[in-house]
Amino acid sequence: MKVYLCGAINGCTDEQAKGWRETAKVRLPDTIDPMKRDYRGKEAESYREIVNLDKVDVARSDLILVNYDKPSVGTSMEIFFAWTKSIPVIVVCHPETAISPWLRYHSTKIVHSFEDAFGWIESL
């Protein structure tokens, strides 16, 4: 099962953008990581390439794993794009996080830890 690792990148530190993805790649062997193309600092001139390549990656995935630790326009767009393609979306967020009705509507499952997300994915 190909799992797209969806979450904020723009304006994030290496740890924020890559840390959880590295953990996920150990646990989930078949991942698609958009950080393989690190465009931080080049977003303005590379926006078409960023969006086009991310859309290709989302479309070829079987599931989207979302790290929702802060609002992100790109993350929201990828979630909606996946939803339009009937690709399941699992969101990981802190229990006290206020979830937008839009995020809740377009999510297949919302959990409060990566351990719960990995377990749910592995049970599929």
C-alpha atoms as a PDB file:
ATOM      1  CA  MET A   1       0.000   0.000   0.000  1.00  0.00           C
ATOM      2  CA  LYS A   2       1.496   3.328  -1.082  1.00  0.00           C
ATOM      3  CA  VAL A   3       1.104   5.961   1.639  1.00  0.00           C
ATOM      4  CA  TYR A   4       1.582   9.652   0.810  1.00  0.00           C
ATOM      5  CA  LEU A   5       3.110  11.574   3.737  1.00  0.00           C
ATOM      6  CA  CYS A   6       1.095  14.776   3.855  1.00  0.00           C
ATOM      7  CA  GLY A   7       1.840  17.671   6.186  1.00  0.00           C
ATOM      8  CA  ALA A   8       3.239  21.160   6.455  1.00  0.00           C
ATOM      9  CA  ILE A   9       6.600  21.874   4.805  1.00  0.00           C
ATOM     10  CA  ASN A  10       6.612  25.577   3.967  1.00  0.00           C
ATOM     11  CA  GLY A  11       7.986  27.567   6.894  1.00  0.00           C
ATOM     12  CA  CYS A  12       8.967  24.432   8.824  1.00  0.00           C
ATOM     13  CA  THR A  13      12.310  23.450  10.288  1.00  0.00           C
ATOM     14  CA  ASP A  14      13.968  20.238   9.121  1.00  0.00           C
ATOM     15  CA  GLU A  15      12.717  18.481  12.260  1.00  0.00           C
ATOM     16  CA  GLN A  16       9.135  19.671  11.729  1.00  0.00           C
ATOM     17  CA  ALA A  17       9.100  18.756   8.031  1.00  0.00           C
ATOM     18  CA  LYS A  18      11.194  15.593   8.072  1.00  0.00           C
ATOM     19  CA  GLY A  19      11.167  14.081  11.575  1.00  0.00           C
ATOM     20  CA  TRP A  20       7.729  12.491  11.534  1.00  0.00           C
ATOM     21  CA  ARG A  21       8.181  11.440   7.904  1.00  0.00           C
ATOM     22  CA  GLU A  22      11.382   9.544   8.737  1.00  0.00           C
ATOM     23  CA  THR A  23       9.562   7.729  11.548  1.00  0.00           C
ATOM     24  CA  ALA A  24       6.685   6.874   9.204  1.00  0.00           C
ATOM     25  CA  LYS A  25       9.074   5.531   6.554  1.00  0.00           C
ATOM     26  CA  VAL A  26      10.530   3.082   9.067  1.00  0.00           C
ATOM     27  CA  ARG A  27       7.088   1.817  10.065  1.00  0.00           C
ATOM     28  CA  LEU A  28       5.433   1.954   6.636  1.00  0.00           C
ATOM     29  CA  PRO A  29       7.734   0.541   3.971  1.00  0.00           C
ATOM     30  CA  ASP A  30       5.959   1.876   0.866  1.00  0.00           C
ATOM     31  CA  THR A  31       5.721   5.631   1.355  1.00  0.00           C
ATOM     32  CA  ILE A  32       5.701   8.598  -0.968  1.00  0.00           C
ATOM     33  CA  ASP A  33       7.581  11.482   0.634  1.00  0.00           C
ATOM     34  CA  PRO A  34       7.227  14.936  -0.944  1.00  0.00           C
ATOM     35  CA  MET A  35      10.311  16.026   1.019  1.00  0.00           C
ATOM     36  CA  LYS A  36      12.402  14.161  -1.549  1.00  0.00           C
ATOM     37  CA  ARG A  37      11.973  17.454  -3.400  1.00  0.00           C
ATOM     38  CA  ASP A  38      12.782  20.122  -0.825  1.00  0.00           C
ATOM     39  CA  TYR A  39      11.623  23.418  -2.326  1.00  0.00           C
ATOM     40  CA  ARG A  40      11.770  25.442   0.878  1.00  0.00           C
ATOM     41  CA  GLY A  41      12.941  28.946  -0.010  1.00  0.00           C
ATOM     42  CA  LYS A  42      12.117  28.383  -3.694  1.00  0.00           C
ATOM     43  CA  GLU A  43       8.327  28.154  -3.478  1.00  0.00           C
ATOM     44  CA  ALA A  44       7.591  31.336  -5.439  1.00  0.00           C
ATOM     45  CA  GLU A  45       9.523  30.362  -8.553  1.00  0.00           C
ATOM     46  CA  SER A  46       8.757  26.623  -8.360  1.00  0.00           C
ATOM     47  CA  TYR A  47       5.058  26.658  -7.498  1.00  0.00           C
ATOM     48  CA  ARG A  48       3.890  24.931 -10.682  1.00  0.00           C
ATOM     49  CA  GLU A  49       6.428  22.129 -10.343  1.00  0.00           C
ATOM     50  CA  ILE A  50       5.642  21.704  -6.628  1.00  0.00           C
ATOM     51  CA  VAL A  51       1.904  21.407  -7.178  1.00  0.00           C
ATOM     52  CA  ASN A  52       2.104  19.262 -10.317  1.00  0.00           C
ATOM     53  CA  LEU A  53       4.536  16.754  -8.795  1.00  0.00           C
ATOM     54  CA  ASP A  54       2.641  16.609  -5.485  1.00  0.00           C
ATOM     55  CA  LYS A  55      -0.617  15.957  -7.362  1.00  0.00           C
ATOM     56  CA  VAL A  56       1.037  13.122  -9.289  1.00  0.00           C
ATOM     57  CA  ASP A  57       2.272  11.633  -6.003  1.00  0.00           C
ATOM     58  CA  VAL A  58      -1.118  11.946  -4.306  1.00  0.00           C
ATOM     59  CA  ALA A  59      -2.886  10.395  -7.307  1.00  0.00           C
ATOM     60  CA  ARG A  60      -0.601   7.349  -7.293  1.00  0.00           C
ATOM     61  CA  SER A  61      -1.031   6.736  -3.574  1.00  0.00           C
ATOM     62  CA  ASP A  62      -3.479   4.359  -1.925  1.00  0.00           C
ATOM     63  CA  LEU A  63      -3.830   6.383   1.270  1.00  0.00           C
ATOM     64  CA  ILE A  64      -2.871   9.807   2.608  1.00  0.00           C
ATOM     65  CA  LEU A  65      -1.311  10.041   6.084  1.00  0.00           C
ATOM     66  CA  VAL A  66      -1.652  13.605   7.353  1.00  0.00           C
ATOM     67  CA  ASN A  67       0.371  15.171  10.134  1.00  0.00           C
ATOM     68  CA  TYR A  68      -1.963  18.002  11.137  1.00  0.00           C
ATOM     69  CA  ASP A  69       0.151  19.829  13.684  1.00  0.00           C
ATOM     70  CA  LYS A  70      -0.583  23.266  12.227  1.00  0.00           C
ATOM     71  CA  PRO A  71      -2.805  24.636   9.472  1.00  0.00           C
ATOM     72  CA  SER A  72      -1.252  24.423   6.009  1.00  0.00           C
ATOM     73  CA  VAL A  73      -2.818  25.460   2.725  1.00  0.00           C
ATOM     74  CA  GLY A  74      -0.857  22.839   0.784  1.00  0.00           C
ATOM     75  CA  THR A  75      -1.882  20.103   3.206  1.00  0.00           C
ATOM     76  CA  SER A  76      -5.528  21.129   2.934  1.00  0.00           C
ATOM     77  CA  MET A  77      -5.358  21.136  -0.861  1.00  0.00           C
ATOM     78  CA  GLU A  78      -3.733  17.696  -0.940  1.00  0.00           C
ATOM     79  CA  ILE A  79      -6.436  16.333   1.374  1.00  0.00           C
ATOM     80  CA  PHE A  80      -9.174  17.702  -0.857  1.00  0.00           C
ATOM     81  CA  PHE A  81      -7.430  16.440  -4.003  1.00  0.00           C
ATOM     82  CA  ALA A  82      -7.126  12.949  -2.472  1.00  0.00           C
ATOM     83  CA  TRP A  83     -10.787  13.028  -1.448  1.00  0.00           C
ATOM     84  CA  THR A  84     -11.831  13.867  -5.030  1.00  0.00           C
ATOM     85  CA  LYS A  85      -9.964  10.718  -6.130  1.00  0.00           C
ATOM     86  CA  SER A  86     -11.599   8.572  -3.395  1.00  0.00           C
ATOM     87  CA  ILE A  87      -8.229   8.073  -1.686  1.00  0.00           C
ATOM     88  CA  PRO A  88      -8.628   7.507   2.075  1.00  0.00           C
ATOM     89  CA  VAL A  89      -7.248  10.243   4.334  1.00  0.00           C
ATOM     90  CA  ILE A  90      -6.087   9.533   7.882  1.00  0.00           C
ATOM     91  CA  VAL A  91      -5.309  12.591   9.994  1.00  0.00           C
ATOM     92  CA  VAL A  92      -3.064  12.617  13.055  1.00  0.00           C
ATOM     93  CA  CYS A  93      -3.629  15.576  15.379  1.00  0.00           C
ATOM     94  CA  HIS A  94      -3.376  16.414  19.069  1.00  0.00           C
ATOM     95  CA  PRO A  95      -6.565  15.628  21.026  1.00  0.00           C
ATOM     96  CA  GLU A  96      -7.142  19.307  21.828  1.00  0.00           C
ATOM     97  CA  THR A  97      -6.772  20.443  18.205  1.00  0.00           C
ATOM     98  CA  ALA A  98      -9.841  22.198  16.865  1.00  0.00           C
ATOM     99  CA  ILE A  99     -10.750  20.383  13.659  1.00  0.00           C
ATOM    100  CA  SER A 100     -12.362  22.406  10.905  1.00  0.00           C
ATOM    101  CA  PRO A 101     -15.633  20.999   9.593  1.00  0.00           C
ATOM    102  CA  TRP A 102     -13.933  20.898   6.169  1.00  0.00           C
ATOM    103  CA  LEU A 103     -11.073  18.772   7.471  1.00  0.00           C
ATOM    104  CA  ARG A 104     -13.412  16.463   9.362  1.00  0.00           C
ATOM    105  CA  TYR A 105     -15.671  16.030   6.315  1.00  0.00           C
ATOM    106  CA  HIS A 106     -12.800  15.138   3.955  1.00  0.00           C
ATOM    107  CA  SER A 107     -11.033  12.780   6.392  1.00  0.00           C
ATOM    108  CA  THR A 108     -11.641   9.053   6.507  1.00  0.00           C
ATOM    109  CA  LYS A 109     -10.250   8.725  10.039  1.00  0.00           C
ATOM    110  CA  ILE A 110      -8.895  11.121  12.676  1.00  0.00           C
ATOM    111  CA  VAL A 111      -6.553   9.766  15.345  1.00  0.00           C
ATOM    112  CA  HIS A 112      -4.425  11.351  18.046  1.00  0.00           C
ATOM    113  CA  SER A 113      -1.134   9.509  17.656  1.00  0.00           C
ATOM    114  CA  PHE A 114       1.048   8.131  14.910  1.00  0.00           C
ATOM    115  CA  GLU A 115       0.970   4.772  16.703  1.00  0.00           C
ATOM    116  CA  ASP A 116      -2.821   4.703  16.260  1.00  0.00           C
ATOM    117  CA  ALA A 117      -2.452   5.751  12.609  1.00  0.00           C
ATOM    118  CA  PHE A 118       0.158   3.082  11.891  1.00  0.00           C
ATOM    119  CA  GLY A 119      -2.013   0.438  13.550  1.00  0.00           C
ATOM    120  CA  TRP A 120      -5.053   1.459  11.524  1.00  0.00           C
ATOM    121  CA  ILE A 121      -3.060   1.474   8.269  1.00  0.00           C
ATOM    122  CA  GLU A 122      -1.456  -1.888   9.018  1.00  0.00           C
ATOM    123  CA  SER A 123      -4.896  -3.395   9.688  1.00  0.00           C
ATOM    124  CA  LEU A 124      -6.089  -2.572   6.162  1.00  0.00           C
END
